[in-house]
Amino acid sequence: DNTLLGVDIIQNQQLVASDVTSKQLIELTQNKTCKLVVTPIGGQGHVFGRGNQQLSPRIISKIGKDNIIIIATKAKLMALNSRPLIVDTGSNEVDQLLTGFMPVTTGYNDQVLYPVASPQ
């Protein structure tokens, strides 16, 4: 089971917490290395800033760009018509940290590099 539109914490393939708030996310991941798995909103391409306010600039900075895993089908990326994925975290510093090309997992053993931009 998982939360369709929320944030869940999984550790060692076990659900630790479901539909967590930003505060809970910070508390439960304190002093731990984490991976964050996200998918962009279809048609819009927003990775952060729309519908996932639990993922604050503080937690995204803590996790780090190299530990963010973006998953999207090739069809979802093609629907963007070459527009970049968007990060709008509310922090220009974090947005700039995330801009550039990032790997996007598009299937089993399949990744593409895709541009990520800030709305600024």
PDB file of N, CA and C in Angstrom:
ATOM      1  N   ASP A   1       0.840  -1.196   0.000  1.00  0.00           N
ATOM      2  CA  ASP A   1       0.000   0.000   0.000  1.00  0.00           C
ATOM      3  C   ASP A   1       0.873   1.242   0.000  1.00  0.00           C
ATOM      4  N   ASN A   2       0.402   2.250  -0.696  1.00  0.00           N
ATOM      5  CA  ASN A   2       1.100   3.527  -0.680  1.00  0.00           C
ATOM      6  C   ASN A   2       0.088   4.653  -0.799  1.00  0.00           C
ATOM      7  N   THR A   3       0.577   5.863  -0.562  1.00  0.00           N
ATOM      8  CA  THR A   3      -0.258   7.042  -0.664  1.00  0.00           C
ATOM      9  C   THR A   3      -0.158   7.569  -2.086  1.00  0.00           C
ATOM     10  N   LEU A   4      -1.255   7.655  -2.768  1.00  0.00           N
ATOM     11  CA  LEU A   4      -1.241   8.040  -4.176  1.00  0.00           C
ATOM     12  C   LEU A   4      -0.704   9.448  -4.396  1.00  0.00           C
ATOM     13  N   LEU A   5      -1.152  10.409  -3.615  1.00  0.00           N
ATOM     14  CA  LEU A   5      -0.752  11.798  -3.835  1.00  0.00           C
ATOM     15  C   LEU A   5       0.056  12.373  -2.680  1.00  0.00           C
ATOM     16  N   GLY A   6       0.568  11.541  -1.818  1.00  0.00           N
ATOM     17  CA  GLY A   6       1.330  12.022  -0.677  1.00  0.00           C
ATOM     18  C   GLY A   6       2.745  11.511  -0.696  1.00  0.00           C
ATOM     19  N   VAL A   7       3.382  11.609   0.453  1.00  0.00           N
ATOM     20  CA  VAL A   7       4.763  11.166   0.602  1.00  0.00           C
ATOM     21  C   VAL A   7       4.798  10.065   1.651  1.00  0.00           C
ATOM     22  N   ASP A   8       5.366   8.931   1.270  1.00  0.00           N
ATOM     23  CA  ASP A   8       5.528   7.796   2.172  1.00  0.00           C
ATOM     24  C   ASP A   8       7.015   7.584   2.422  1.00  0.00           C
ATOM     25  N   ILE A   9       7.341   7.025   3.566  1.00  0.00           N
ATOM     26  CA  ILE A   9       8.726   6.691   3.883  1.00  0.00           C
ATOM     27  C   ILE A   9       8.852   5.183   3.937  1.00  0.00           C
ATOM     28  N   ILE A  10       9.783   4.671   3.143  1.00  0.00           N
ATOM     29  CA  ILE A  10      10.061   3.239   3.066  1.00  0.00           C
ATOM     30  C   ILE A  10      11.497   3.024   3.527  1.00  0.00           C
ATOM     31  N   GLN A  11      11.707   2.049   4.387  1.00  0.00           N
ATOM     32  CA  GLN A  11      13.053   1.687   4.812  1.00  0.00           C
ATOM     33  C   GLN A  11      13.153   0.173   4.826  1.00  0.00           C
ATOM     34  N   ASN A  12      14.189  -0.346   4.178  1.00  0.00           N
ATOM     35  CA  ASN A  12      14.376  -1.798   4.078  1.00  0.00           C
ATOM     36  C   ASN A  12      13.116  -2.495   3.560  1.00  0.00           C
ATOM     37  N   GLN A  13      12.516  -1.907   2.530  1.00  0.00           N
ATOM     38  CA  GLN A  13      11.328  -2.431   1.861  1.00  0.00           C
ATOM     39  C   GLN A  13      10.101  -2.516   2.768  1.00  0.00           C
ATOM     40  N   GLN A  14      10.106  -1.767   3.869  1.00  0.00           N
ATOM     41  CA  GLN A  14       8.971  -1.738   4.794  1.00  0.00           C
ATOM     42  C   GLN A  14       8.444  -0.314   4.897  1.00  0.00           C
ATOM     43  N   LEU A  15       7.123  -0.177   4.934  1.00  0.00           N
ATOM     44  CA  LEU A  15       6.508   1.130   5.110  1.00  0.00           C
ATOM     45  C   LEU A  15       6.749   1.602   6.543  1.00  0.00           C
ATOM     46  N   VAL A  16       7.411   2.755   6.685  1.00  0.00           N
ATOM     47  CA  VAL A  16       7.693   3.333   7.997  1.00  0.00           C
ATOM     48  C   VAL A  16       6.606   4.325   8.377  1.00  0.00           C
ATOM     49  N   ALA A  17       6.218   5.168   7.421  1.00  0.00           N
ATOM     50  CA  ALA A  17       5.191   6.187   7.669  1.00  0.00           C
ATOM     51  C   ALA A  17       4.497   6.511   6.359  1.00  0.00           C
ATOM     52  N   SER A  18       3.237   6.817   6.460  1.00  0.00           N
ATOM     53  CA  SER A  18       2.408   7.058   5.284  1.00  0.00           C
ATOM     54  C   SER A  18       1.869   8.484   5.298  1.00  0.00           C
ATOM     55  N   ASP A  19       1.837   9.115   4.133  1.00  0.00           N
ATOM     56  CA  ASP A  19       1.269  10.444   3.947  1.00  0.00           C
ATOM     57  C   ASP A  19       1.821  11.439   4.970  1.00  0.00           C
ATOM     58  N   VAL A  20       3.152  11.548   5.015  1.00  0.00           N
ATOM     59  CA  VAL A  20       3.808  12.380   6.020  1.00  0.00           C
ATOM     60  C   VAL A  20       3.766  13.859   5.669  1.00  0.00           C
ATOM     61  N   THR A  21       3.863  14.678   6.707  1.00  0.00           N
ATOM     62  CA  THR A  21       3.970  16.127   6.545  1.00  0.00           C
ATOM     63  C   THR A  21       5.444  16.480   6.387  1.00  0.00           C
ATOM     64  N   SER A  22       5.715  17.724   6.056  1.00  0.00           N
ATOM     65  CA  SER A  22       7.098  18.186   5.927  1.00  0.00           C
ATOM     66  C   SER A  22       7.839  18.022   7.252  1.00  0.00           C
ATOM     67  N   LYS A  23       7.191  18.366   8.339  1.00  0.00           N
ATOM     68  CA  LYS A  23       7.810  18.249   9.665  1.00  0.00           C
ATOM     69  C   LYS A  23       8.140  16.780   9.975  1.00  0.00           C
ATOM     70  N   GLN A  24       7.211  15.879   9.716  1.00  0.00           N
ATOM     71  CA  GLN A  24       7.455  14.450   9.960  1.00  0.00           C
ATOM     72  C   GLN A  24       8.582  13.934   9.075  1.00  0.00           C
ATOM     73  N   LEU A  25       8.603  14.398   7.842  1.00  0.00           N
ATOM     74  CA  LEU A  25       9.636  13.976   6.900  1.00  0.00           C
ATOM     75  C   LEU A  25      11.020  14.364   7.407  1.00  0.00           C
ATOM     76  N   ILE A  26      11.149  15.568   7.894  1.00  0.00           N
ATOM     77  CA  ILE A  26      12.429  16.030   8.436  1.00  0.00           C
ATOM     78  C   ILE A  26      12.806  15.211   9.666  1.00  0.00           C
ATOM     79  N   GLU A  27      11.849  14.992  10.566  1.00  0.00           N
ATOM     80  CA  GLU A  27      12.133  14.230  11.787  1.00  0.00           C
ATOM     81  C   GLU A  27      12.516  12.783  11.491  1.00  0.00           C
ATOM     82  N   LEU A  28      11.785  12.132  10.597  1.00  0.00           N
ATOM     83  CA  LEU A  28      12.005  10.712  10.327  1.00  0.00           C
ATOM     84  C   LEU A  28      13.241  10.429   9.485  1.00  0.00           C
ATOM     85  N   THR A  29      13.761  11.450   8.813  1.00  0.00           N
ATOM     86  CA  THR A  29      14.938  11.237   7.971  1.00  0.00           C
ATOM     87  C   THR A  29      16.201  11.859   8.561  1.00  0.00           C
ATOM     88  N   GLN A  30      16.071  12.431   9.743  1.00  0.00           N
ATOM     89  CA  GLN A  30      17.213  13.086  10.379  1.00  0.00           C
ATOM     90  C   GLN A  30      18.376  12.109  10.546  1.00  0.00           C
ATOM     91  N   ASN A  31      19.571  12.556  10.172  1.00  0.00           N
ATOM     92  CA  ASN A  31      20.801  11.756  10.272  1.00  0.00           C
ATOM     93  C   ASN A  31      20.756  10.465   9.459  1.00  0.00           C
ATOM     94  N   LYS A  32      19.979  10.466   8.372  1.00  0.00           N
ATOM     95  CA  LYS A  32      19.894   9.286   7.509  1.00  0.00           C
ATOM     96  C   LYS A  32      20.135   9.709   6.068  1.00  0.00           C
ATOM     97  N   THR A  33      20.784   8.844   5.310  1.00  0.00           N
ATOM     98  CA  THR A  33      20.910   9.050   3.878  1.00  0.00           C
ATOM     99  C   THR A  33      19.609   8.577   3.248  1.00  0.00           C
ATOM    100  N   CYS A  34      19.053   9.387   2.366  1.00  0.00           N
ATOM    101  CA  CYS A  34      17.745   9.075   1.785  1.00  0.00           C
ATOM    102  C   CYS A  34      17.786   9.163   0.266  1.00  0.00           C
ATOM    103  N   LYS A  35      16.881   8.467  -0.356  1.00  0.00           N
ATOM    104  CA  LYS A  35      16.599   8.590  -1.788  1.00  0.00           C
ATOM    105  C   LYS A  35      15.173   9.113  -1.891  1.00  0.00           C
ATOM    106  N   LEU A  36      14.930   9.946  -2.859  1.00  0.00           N
ATOM    107  CA  LEU A  36      13.602  10.497  -3.083  1.00  0.00           C
ATOM    108  C   LEU A  36      13.166  10.109  -4.487  1.00  0.00           C
ATOM    109  N   VAL A  37      12.051   9.406  -4.591  1.00  0.00           N
ATOM    110  CA  VAL A  37      11.518   8.975  -5.877  1.00  0.00           C
ATOM    111  C   VAL A  37      10.302   9.846  -6.187  1.00  0.00           C
ATOM    112  N   VAL A  38      10.358  10.551  -7.321  1.00  0.00           N
ATOM    113  CA  VAL A  38       9.276  11.458  -7.713  1.00  0.00           C
ATOM    114  C   VAL A  38       8.933  11.245  -9.181  1.00  0.00           C
ATOM    115  N   THR A  39       7.754  11.688  -9.540  1.00  0.00           N
ATOM    116  CA  THR A  39       7.346  11.680 -10.939  1.00  0.00           C
ATOM    117  C   THR A  39       6.746  13.043 -11.261  1.00  0.00           C
ATOM    118  N   PRO A  40       7.006  13.573 -12.451  1.00  0.00           N
ATOM    119  CA  PRO A  40       6.445  14.875 -12.808  1.00  0.00           C
ATOM    120  C   PRO A  40       4.943  14.795 -13.044  1.00  0.00           C
ATOM    121  N   ILE A  41       4.296  15.928 -12.836  1.00  0.00           N
ATOM    122  CA  ILE A  41       2.868  16.029 -13.135  1.00  0.00           C
ATOM    123  C   ILE A  41       2.712  15.972 -14.645  1.00  0.00           C
ATOM    124  N   GLY A  42       1.879  15.071 -15.125  1.00  0.00           N
ATOM    125  CA  GLY A  42       1.674  14.899 -16.557  1.00  0.00           C
ATOM    126  C   GLY A  42       1.183  16.163 -17.233  1.00  0.00           C
ATOM    127  N   GLY A  43       1.728  16.457 -18.392  1.00  0.00           N
ATOM    128  CA  GLY A  43       1.314  17.614 -19.180  1.00  0.00           C
ATOM    129  C   GLY A  43       1.967  18.907 -18.748  1.00  0.00           C
ATOM    130  N   GLN A  44       2.282  19.036 -17.454  1.00  0.00           N
ATOM    131  CA  GLN A  44       2.891  20.256 -16.951  1.00  0.00           C
ATOM    132  C   GLN A  44       4.387  20.097 -16.730  1.00  0.00           C
ATOM    133  N   GLY A  45       4.799  18.909 -16.310  1.00  0.00           N
ATOM    134  CA  GLY A  45       6.207  18.647 -16.102  1.00  0.00           C
ATOM    135  C   GLY A  45       6.783  19.148 -14.795  1.00  0.00           C
ATOM    136  N   HIS A  46       5.929  19.543 -13.852  1.00  0.00           N
ATOM    137  CA  HIS A  46       6.432  19.994 -12.556  1.00  0.00           C
ATOM    138  C   HIS A  46       6.899  18.799 -11.725  1.00  0.00           C
ATOM    139  N   VAL A  47       8.149  18.854 -11.289  1.00  0.00           N
ATOM    140  CA  VAL A  47       8.695  17.819 -10.422  1.00  0.00           C
ATOM    141  C   VAL A  47       8.519  18.242  -8.972  1.00  0.00           C
ATOM    142  N   PHE A  48       8.808  19.504  -8.672  1.00  0.00           N
ATOM    143  CA  PHE A  48       8.614  20.066  -7.332  1.00  0.00           C
ATOM    144  C   PHE A  48       7.850  21.369  -7.448  1.00  0.00           C
ATOM    145  N   GLY A  49       6.981  21.615  -6.481  1.00  0.00           N
ATOM    146  CA  GLY A  49       6.284  22.894  -6.416  1.00  0.00           C
ATOM    147  C   GLY A  49       4.809  22.832  -6.708  1.00  0.00           C
ATOM    148  N   ARG A  50       4.324  21.720  -7.182  1.00  0.00           N
ATOM    149  CA  ARG A  50       2.887  21.564  -7.442  1.00  0.00           C
ATOM    150  C   ARG A  50       2.427  20.268  -6.818  1.00  0.00           C
ATOM    151  N   GLY A  51       1.693  20.358  -5.740  1.00  0.00           N
ATOM    152  CA  GLY A  51       1.112  19.163  -5.146  1.00  0.00           C
ATOM    153  C   GLY A  51       2.037  18.369  -4.246  1.00  0.00           C
ATOM    154  N   ASN A  52       3.228  18.875  -3.992  1.00  0.00           N
ATOM    155  CA  ASN A  52       4.111  18.139  -3.076  1.00  0.00           C
ATOM    156  C   ASN A  52       4.826  19.098  -2.126  1.00  0.00           C
ATOM    157  N   GLN A  53       4.054  19.945  -1.470  1.00  0.00           N
ATOM    158  CA  GLN A  53       4.620  20.928  -0.564  1.00  0.00           C
ATOM    159  C   GLN A  53       5.319  20.295   0.644  1.00  0.00           C
ATOM    160  N   GLN A  54       5.069  19.004   0.899  1.00  0.00           N
ATOM    161  CA  GLN A  54       5.783  18.319   1.977  1.00  0.00           C
ATOM    162  C   GLN A  54       7.277  18.315   1.689  1.00  0.00           C
ATOM    163  N   LEU A  55       7.627  18.354   0.420  1.00  0.00           N
ATOM    164  CA  LEU A  55       9.022  18.314  -0.002  1.00  0.00           C
ATOM    165  C   LEU A  55       9.562  19.743  -0.031  1.00  0.00           C
ATOM    166  N   SER A  56       9.873  20.234   1.147  1.00  0.00           N
ATOM    167  CA  SER A  56      10.335  21.612   1.318  1.00  0.00           C
ATOM    168  C   SER A  56      11.753  21.777   0.774  1.00  0.00           C
ATOM    169  N   PRO A  57      12.163  23.022   0.515  1.00  0.00           N
ATOM    170  CA  PRO A  57      13.540  23.254   0.087  1.00  0.00           C
ATOM    171  C   PRO A  57      14.553  22.666   1.080  1.00  0.00           C
ATOM    172  N   ARG A  58      14.232  22.713   2.351  1.00  0.00           N
ATOM    173  CA  ARG A  58      15.144  22.169   3.371  1.00  0.00           C
ATOM    174  C   ARG A  58      15.354  20.669   3.178  1.00  0.00           C
ATOM    175  N   ILE A  59      14.285  19.919   2.979  1.00  0.00           N
ATOM    176  CA  ILE A  59      14.410  18.464   2.833  1.00  0.00           C
ATOM    177  C   ILE A  59      15.046  18.115   1.487  1.00  0.00           C
ATOM    178  N   ILE A  60      14.726  18.862   0.437  1.00  0.00           N
ATOM    179  CA  ILE A  60      15.331  18.598  -0.875  1.00  0.00           C
ATOM    180  C   ILE A  60      16.834  18.849  -0.819  1.00  0.00           C
ATOM    181  N   SER A  61      17.252  19.925  -0.161  1.00  0.00           N
ATOM    182  CA  SER A  61      18.684  20.209   0.001  1.00  0.00           C
ATOM    183  C   SER A  61      19.370  19.108   0.780  1.00  0.00           C
ATOM    184  N   LYS A  62      18.721  18.639   1.832  1.00  0.00           N
ATOM    185  CA  LYS A  62      19.287  17.578   2.671  1.00  0.00           C
ATOM    186  C   LYS A  62      19.472  16.291   1.862  1.00  0.00           C
ATOM    187  N   ILE A  63      18.490  15.950   1.063  1.00  0.00           N
ATOM    188  CA  ILE A  63      18.559  14.725   0.264  1.00  0.00           C
ATOM    189  C   ILE A  63      19.615  14.864  -0.825  1.00  0.00           C
ATOM    190  N   GLY A  64      19.640  16.006  -1.487  1.00  0.00           N
ATOM    191  CA  GLY A  64      20.646  16.266  -2.518  1.00  0.00           C
ATOM    192  C   GLY A  64      20.225  15.788  -3.899  1.00  0.00           C
ATOM    193  N   LYS A  65      20.694  16.488  -4.904  1.00  0.00           N
ATOM    194  CA  LYS A  65      20.340  16.207  -6.299  1.00  0.00           C
ATOM    195  C   LYS A  65      20.670  14.778  -6.711  1.00  0.00           C
ATOM    196  N   ASP A  66      21.820  14.267  -6.267  1.00  0.00           N
ATOM    197  CA  ASP A  66      22.238  12.929  -6.663  1.00  0.00           C
ATOM    198  C   ASP A  66      21.376  11.820  -6.074  1.00  0.00           C
ATOM    199  N   ASN A  67      20.562  12.141  -5.080  1.00  0.00           N
ATOM    200  CA  ASN A  67      19.697  11.139  -4.444  1.00  0.00           C
ATOM    201  C   ASN A  67      18.231  11.296  -4.840  1.00  0.00           C
ATOM    202  N   ILE A  68      17.979  12.110  -5.849  1.00  0.00           N
ATOM    203  CA  ILE A  68      16.609  12.275  -6.362  1.00  0.00           C
ATOM    204  C   ILE A  68      16.464  11.409  -7.604  1.00  0.00           C
ATOM    205  N   ILE A  69      15.469  10.556  -7.587  1.00  0.00           N
ATOM    206  CA  ILE A  69      15.192   9.650  -8.705  1.00  0.00           C
ATOM    207  C   ILE A  69      13.883  10.089  -9.348  1.00  0.00           C
ATOM    208  N   ILE A  70      13.973  10.533 -10.594  1.00  0.00           N
ATOM    209  CA  ILE A  70      12.777  10.951 -11.333  1.00  0.00           C
ATOM    210  C   ILE A  70      12.354   9.790 -12.216  1.00  0.00           C
ATOM    211  N   ILE A  71      11.073   9.465 -12.150  1.00  0.00           N
ATOM    212  CA  ILE A  71      10.521   8.374 -12.955  1.00  0.00           C
ATOM    213  C   ILE A  71       9.394   8.934 -13.824  1.00  0.00           C
ATOM    214  N   ALA A  72       9.462   8.655 -15.110  1.00  0.00           N
ATOM    215  CA  ALA A  72       8.405   9.086 -16.037  1.00  0.00           C
ATOM    216  C   ALA A  72       8.472   8.216 -17.283  1.00  0.00           C
ATOM    217  N   THR A  73       7.335   7.945 -17.865  1.00  0.00           N
ATOM    218  CA  THR A  73       7.343   7.195 -19.118  1.00  0.00           C
ATOM    219  C   THR A  73       7.856   8.100 -20.234  1.00  0.00           C
ATOM    220  N   LYS A  74       8.334   7.484 -21.308  1.00  0.00           N
ATOM    221  CA  LYS A  74       8.772   8.271 -22.463  1.00  0.00           C
ATOM    222  C   LYS A  74       7.595   9.046 -23.052  1.00  0.00           C
ATOM    223  N   ALA A  75       6.416   8.466 -22.997  1.00  0.00           N
ATOM    224  CA  ALA A  75       5.218   9.156 -23.501  1.00  0.00           C
ATOM    225  C   ALA A  75       4.950  10.426 -22.696  1.00  0.00           C
ATOM    226  N   LYS A  76       5.145  10.359 -21.380  1.00  0.00           N
ATOM    227  CA  LYS A  76       4.934  11.542 -20.539  1.00  0.00           C
ATOM    228  C   LYS A  76       5.950  12.628 -20.897  1.00  0.00           C
ATOM    229  N   LEU A  77       7.192  12.238 -21.128  1.00  0.00           N
ATOM    230  CA  LEU A  77       8.212  13.217 -21.512  1.00  0.00           C
ATOM    231  C   LEU A  77       7.939  13.783 -22.906  1.00  0.00           C
ATOM    232  N   MET A  78       7.518  12.932 -23.825  1.00  0.00           N
ATOM    233  CA  MET A  78       7.216  13.401 -25.187  1.00  0.00           C
ATOM    234  C   MET A  78       6.043  14.378 -25.191  1.00  0.00           C
ATOM    235  N   ALA A  79       5.095  14.188 -24.273  1.00  0.00           N
ATOM    236  CA  ALA A  79       3.942  15.086 -24.189  1.00  0.00           C
ATOM    237  C   ALA A  79       4.343  16.508 -23.785  1.00  0.00           C
ATOM    238  N   LEU A  80       5.549  16.664 -23.250  1.00  0.00           N
ATOM    239  CA  LEU A  80       6.031  17.999 -22.877  1.00  0.00           C
ATOM    240  C   LEU A  80       6.511  18.788 -24.094  1.00  0.00           C
ATOM    241  N   ASN A  81       6.587  18.141 -25.268  1.00  0.00           N
ATOM    242  CA  ASN A  81       7.004  18.814 -26.508  1.00  0.00           C
ATOM    243  C   ASN A  81       8.325  19.556 -26.349  1.00  0.00           C
ATOM    244  N   SER A  82       9.314  18.873 -25.787  1.00  0.00           N
ATOM    245  CA  SER A  82      10.667  19.399 -25.596  1.00  0.00           C
ATOM    246  C   SER A  82      10.783  20.466 -24.516  1.00  0.00           C
ATOM    247  N   ARG A  83       9.693  20.747 -23.796  1.00  0.00           N
ATOM    248  CA  ARG A  83       9.794  21.672 -22.668  1.00  0.00           C
ATOM    249  C   ARG A  83      10.520  20.968 -21.528  1.00  0.00           C
ATOM    250  N   PRO A  84      11.279  21.705 -20.719  1.00  0.00           N
ATOM    251  CA  PRO A  84      11.990  21.074 -19.610  1.00  0.00           C
ATOM    252  C   PRO A  84      11.048  20.697 -18.475  1.00  0.00           C
ATOM    253  N   LEU A  85      11.500  19.801 -17.623  1.00  0.00           N
ATOM    254  CA  LEU A  85      10.819  19.557 -16.365  1.00  0.00           C
ATOM    255  C   LEU A  85      11.019  20.805 -15.508  1.00  0.00           C
ATOM    256  N   ILE A  86      10.070  21.081 -14.616  1.00  0.00           N
ATOM    257  CA  ILE A  86      10.107  22.318 -13.833  1.00  0.00           C
ATOM    258  C   ILE A  86      10.291  22.014 -12.351  1.00  0.00           C
ATOM    259  N   VAL A  87      11.200  22.762 -11.715  1.00  0.00           N
ATOM    260  CA  VAL A  87      11.357  22.739 -10.262  1.00  0.00           C
ATOM    261  C   VAL A  87      11.041  24.133  -9.746  1.00  0.00           C
ATOM    262  N   ASP A  88      10.089  24.216  -8.835  1.00  0.00           N
ATOM    263  CA  ASP A  88       9.647  25.482  -8.259  1.00  0.00           C
ATOM    264  C   ASP A  88       9.466  25.257  -6.761  1.00  0.00           C
ATOM    265  N   THR A  89      10.595  25.129  -6.066  1.00  0.00           N
ATOM    266  CA  THR A  89      10.572  24.735  -4.654  1.00  0.00           C
ATOM    267  C   THR A  89      10.229  25.873  -3.709  1.00  0.00           C
ATOM    268  N   GLY A  90      10.278  27.106  -4.211  1.00  0.00           N
ATOM    269  CA  GLY A  90      10.091  28.258  -3.333  1.00  0.00           C
ATOM    270  C   GLY A  90      11.426  28.833  -2.879  1.00  0.00           C
ATOM    271  N   SER A  91      12.520  28.201  -3.295  1.00  0.00           N
ATOM    272  CA  SER A  91      13.867  28.671  -2.968  1.00  0.00           C
ATOM    273  C   SER A  91      14.671  28.746  -4.261  1.00  0.00           C
ATOM    274  N   ASN A  92      15.087  29.962  -4.621  1.00  0.00           N
ATOM    275  CA  ASN A  92      15.892  30.120  -5.843  1.00  0.00           C
ATOM    276  C   ASN A  92      17.174  29.301  -5.759  1.00  0.00           C
ATOM    277  N   GLU A  93      17.762  29.236  -4.568  1.00  0.00           N
ATOM    278  CA  GLU A  93      19.013  28.488  -4.380  1.00  0.00           C
ATOM    279  C   GLU A  93      18.812  27.000  -4.666  1.00  0.00           C
ATOM    280  N   VAL A  94      17.738  26.428  -4.140  1.00  0.00           N
ATOM    281  CA  VAL A  94      17.463  25.002  -4.355  1.00  0.00           C
ATOM    282  C   VAL A  94      17.062  24.769  -5.808  1.00  0.00           C
ATOM    283  N   ASP A  95      16.273  25.661  -6.371  1.00  0.00           N
ATOM    284  CA  ASP A  95      15.896  25.525  -7.781  1.00  0.00           C
ATOM    285  C   ASP A  95      17.140  25.491  -8.663  1.00  0.00           C
ATOM    286  N   GLN A  96      18.106  26.374  -8.399  1.00  0.00           N
ATOM    287  CA  GLN A  96      19.333  26.409  -9.195  1.00  0.00           C
ATOM    288  C   GLN A  96      20.155  25.145  -8.999  1.00  0.00           C
ATOM    289  N   LEU A  97      20.136  24.598  -7.792  1.00  0.00           N
ATOM    290  CA  LEU A  97      20.838  23.346  -7.516  1.00  0.00           C
ATOM    291  C   LEU A  97      20.306  22.208  -8.393  1.00  0.00           C
ATOM    292  N   LEU A  98      19.005  22.230  -8.661  1.00  0.00           N
ATOM    293  CA  LEU A  98      18.357  21.146  -9.391  1.00  0.00           C
ATOM    294  C   LEU A  98      18.327  21.343 -10.901  1.00  0.00           C
ATOM    295  N   THR A  99      18.643  22.537 -11.389  1.00  0.00           N
ATOM    296  CA  THR A  99      18.562  22.771 -12.832  1.00  0.00           C
ATOM    297  C   THR A  99      19.720  22.109 -13.568  1.00  0.00           C
ATOM    298  N   GLY A 100      19.502  21.894 -14.837  1.00  0.00           N
ATOM    299  CA  GLY A 100      20.477  21.200 -15.671  1.00  0.00           C
ATOM    300  C   GLY A 100      19.869  19.891 -16.141  1.00  0.00           C
ATOM    301  N   PHE A 101      20.686  19.013 -16.637  1.00  0.00           N
ATOM    302  CA  PHE A 101      20.190  17.711 -17.083  1.00  0.00           C
ATOM    303  C   PHE A 101      20.190  16.730 -15.923  1.00  0.00           C
ATOM    304  N   MET A 102      19.095  15.993 -15.802  1.00  0.00           N
ATOM    305  CA  MET A 102      18.996  14.952 -14.776  1.00  0.00           C
ATOM    306  C   MET A 102      18.551  13.655 -15.443  1.00  0.00           C
ATOM    307  N   PRO A 103      19.017  12.526 -14.913  1.00  0.00           N
ATOM    308  CA  PRO A 103      18.537  11.255 -15.453  1.00  0.00           C
ATOM    309  C   PRO A 103      17.080  11.031 -15.066  1.00  0.00           C
ATOM    310  N   VAL A 104      16.320  10.536 -16.007  1.00  0.00           N
ATOM    311  CA  VAL A 104      14.918  10.179 -15.762  1.00  0.00           C
ATOM    312  C   VAL A 104      14.774   8.707 -16.117  1.00  0.00           C
ATOM    313  N   THR A 105      14.331   7.915 -15.162  1.00  0.00           N
ATOM    314  CA  THR A 105      14.096   6.498 -15.409  1.00  0.00           C
ATOM    315  C   THR A 105      12.788   6.368 -16.182  1.00  0.00           C
ATOM    316  N   THR A 106      12.882   5.744 -17.359  1.00  0.00           N
ATOM    317  CA  THR A 106      11.712   5.636 -18.234  1.00  0.00           C
ATOM    318  C   THR A 106      11.225   4.200 -18.395  1.00  0.00           C
ATOM    319  N   GLY A 107      11.939   3.266 -17.795  1.00  0.00           N
ATOM    320  CA  GLY A 107      11.559   1.863 -17.880  1.00  0.00           C
ATOM    321  C   GLY A 107      12.644   1.004 -17.262  1.00  0.00           C
ATOM    322  N   TYR A 108      12.468  -0.287 -17.336  1.00  0.00           N
ATOM    323  CA  TYR A 108      13.430  -1.223 -16.777  1.00  0.00           C
ATOM    324  C   TYR A 108      14.769  -1.060 -17.484  1.00  0.00           C
ATOM    325  N   ASN A 109      15.808  -0.751 -16.711  1.00  0.00           N
ATOM    326  CA  ASN A 109      17.149  -0.524 -17.271  1.00  0.00           C
ATOM    327  C   ASN A 109      17.148   0.520 -18.384  1.00  0.00           C
ATOM    328  N   ASP A 110      16.313   1.535 -18.289  1.00  0.00           N
ATOM    329  CA  ASP A 110      16.213   2.548 -19.332  1.00  0.00           C
ATOM    330  C   ASP A 110      16.133   3.925 -18.685  1.00  0.00           C
ATOM    331  N   GLN A 111      17.066   4.789 -19.070  1.00  0.00           N
ATOM    332  CA  GLN A 111      17.089   6.159 -18.582  1.00  0.00           C
ATOM    333  C   GLN A 111      17.388   7.097 -19.738  1.00  0.00           C
ATOM    334  N   VAL A 112      16.909   8.334 -19.603  1.00  0.00           N
ATOM    335  CA  VAL A 112      17.270   9.392 -20.520  1.00  0.00           C
ATOM    336  C   VAL A 112      17.720  10.583 -19.685  1.00  0.00           C
ATOM    337  N   LEU A 113      18.591  11.405 -20.258  1.00  0.00           N
ATOM    338  CA  LEU A 113      18.924  12.671 -19.621  1.00  0.00           C
ATOM    339  C   LEU A 113      17.930  13.689 -20.122  1.00  0.00           C
ATOM    340  N   TYR A 114      17.338  14.449 -19.200  1.00  0.00           N
ATOM    341  CA  TYR A 114      16.290  15.380 -19.587  1.00  0.00           C
ATOM    342  C   TYR A 114      16.556  16.709 -18.899  1.00  0.00           C
ATOM    343  N   PRO A 115      16.300  17.832 -19.581  1.00  0.00           N
ATOM    344  CA  PRO A 115      16.556  19.138 -18.972  1.00  0.00           C
ATOM    345  C   PRO A 115      15.560  19.448 -17.855  1.00  0.00           C
ATOM    346  N   VAL A 116      16.083  20.084 -16.809  1.00  0.00           N
ATOM    347  CA  VAL A 116      15.283  20.540 -15.674  1.00  0.00           C
ATOM    348  C   VAL A 116      15.547  22.021 -15.528  1.00  0.00           C
ATOM    349  N   ALA A 117      14.484  22.813 -15.365  1.00  0.00           N
ATOM    350  CA  ALA A 117      14.632  24.260 -15.281  1.00  0.00           C
ATOM    351  C   ALA A 117      13.777  24.828 -14.163  1.00  0.00           C
ATOM    352  N   SER A 118      14.140  26.013 -13.760  1.00  0.00           N
ATOM    353  CA  SER A 118      13.373  26.789 -12.789  1.00  0.00           C
ATOM    354  C   SER A 118      12.449  27.724 -13.575  1.00  0.00           C
ATOM    355  N   PRO A 119      11.286  28.088 -13.012  1.00  0.00           N
ATOM    356  CA  PRO A 119      10.396  28.974 -13.762  1.00  0.00           C
ATOM    357  C   PRO A 119      10.932  30.398 -13.891  1.00  0.00           C
ATOM    358  N   GLN A 120      12.000  30.761 -13.170  1.00  0.00           N
ATOM    359  CA  GLN A 120      12.569  32.117 -13.226  1.00  0.00           C
ATOM    360  C   GLN A 120      13.252  32.344 -14.538  1.00  0.00           C
TER     361      GLN A 120
END
